[in-house]
Amino acid sequence: MILEAMLAYVVLSALGLAMVLAVVYSAARLWRSLRRGATSLPHAVRSLTIEPPSGAFNDSRDVWPMPKDD
């Protein structure tokens, strides 16, 4: 009876330790990914902006030829 209780205590302690380690590892990984995401955020925001075209305005008449009058 005592050996079974000790075995159960050891098993539960090992499972608890594994759970704590998994939570700490997950929290550290999440923290690293959040920091990495925060540093790349300004570049991502800049890539979403639309810059005005350089040079003359290019409308459809510059791209497609106009039909000739018959």
Protein backbone atom coordinates (compact mmCIF):
# COMPACT_ATOMS: atom_id res chain seq x y z
CA MET A 1 0.00 0.00 0.00
CA ILE A 2 2.74 2.45 0.90
CA LEU A 3 4.78 1.51 -2.18
CA GLU A 4 1.78 2.12 -4.41
CA ALA A 5 1.25 5.55 -2.83
CA MET A 6 4.94 6.40 -3.27
CA LEU A 7 4.85 5.26 -6.90
CA ALA A 8 1.74 7.34 -7.55
CA TYR A 9 3.45 10.35 -5.91
CA VAL A 10 6.56 9.91 -8.09
CA VAL A 11 4.49 9.52 -11.26
CA LEU A 12 2.32 12.54 -10.45
CA SER A 13 5.39 14.59 -9.59
CA ALA A 14 7.04 13.67 -12.90
CA LEU A 15 3.86 14.53 -14.83
CA GLY A 16 3.56 17.84 -12.97
CA LEU A 17 7.19 18.69 -13.73
CA ALA A 18 6.69 17.82 -17.39
CA MET A 19 3.63 20.06 -17.47
CA VAL A 20 5.49 22.97 -15.88
CA LEU A 21 8.37 22.57 -18.32
CA ALA A 22 5.95 22.48 -21.27
CA VAL A 23 4.24 25.68 -20.09
CA VAL A 24 7.58 27.46 -19.57
CA TYR A 25 8.84 26.32 -23.00
CA SER A 26 5.61 27.44 -24.69
CA ALA A 27 5.67 30.81 -22.93
CA ALA A 28 9.31 31.40 -23.91
CA ARG A 29 8.60 30.45 -27.52
CA LEU A 30 5.55 32.73 -27.64
CA TRP A 31 7.58 35.59 -26.14
CA ARG A 32 10.32 35.13 -28.77
CA SER A 33 7.81 35.08 -31.61
CA LEU A 34 6.07 38.19 -30.29
CA ARG A 35 9.39 40.04 -30.05
CA ARG A 36 10.34 38.92 -33.56
CA GLY A 37 6.95 40.00 -34.87
CA ALA A 38 7.21 43.39 -33.20
CA THR A 39 10.59 44.09 -34.78
CA SER A 40 9.36 43.16 -38.26
CA LEU A 41 6.13 45.13 -37.87
CA PRO A 42 7.41 48.52 -39.17
CA HIS A 43 8.70 46.86 -42.35
CA ALA A 44 5.39 45.03 -42.84
CA VAL A 45 3.43 48.25 -42.42
CA ARG A 46 5.68 50.07 -44.88
CA SER A 47 5.21 47.32 -47.44
CA LEU A 48 1.43 47.83 -47.29
CA THR A 49 1.60 51.48 -48.30
CA ILE A 50 0.99 52.45 -51.90
CA GLU A 51 3.56 54.80 -53.31
CA PRO A 52 2.54 57.26 -56.03
CA PRO A 53 3.90 56.37 -59.46
CA SER A 54 7.03 58.14 -60.50
CA GLY A 55 6.98 60.15 -63.71
CA ALA A 56 3.97 60.92 -65.86
CA PHE A 57 0.53 59.59 -65.10
CA ASN A 58 -0.10 56.42 -67.07
CA ASP A 59 -3.74 56.07 -68.00
CA SER A 60 -5.36 53.59 -70.36
CA ARG A 61 -4.59 55.71 -73.45
CA ASP A 62 -0.90 55.18 -72.81
CA VAL A 63 -1.35 51.42 -72.65
CA TRP A 64 -4.01 50.60 -75.26
CA PRO A 65 -3.97 52.15 -78.72
CA MET A 66 -6.89 54.41 -79.54
CA PRO A 67 -9.15 53.25 -82.38
CA LYS A 68 -8.58 55.08 -85.63
CA ASP A 69 -11.41 57.08 -87.20
CA ASP A 70 -12.54 55.62 -90.49
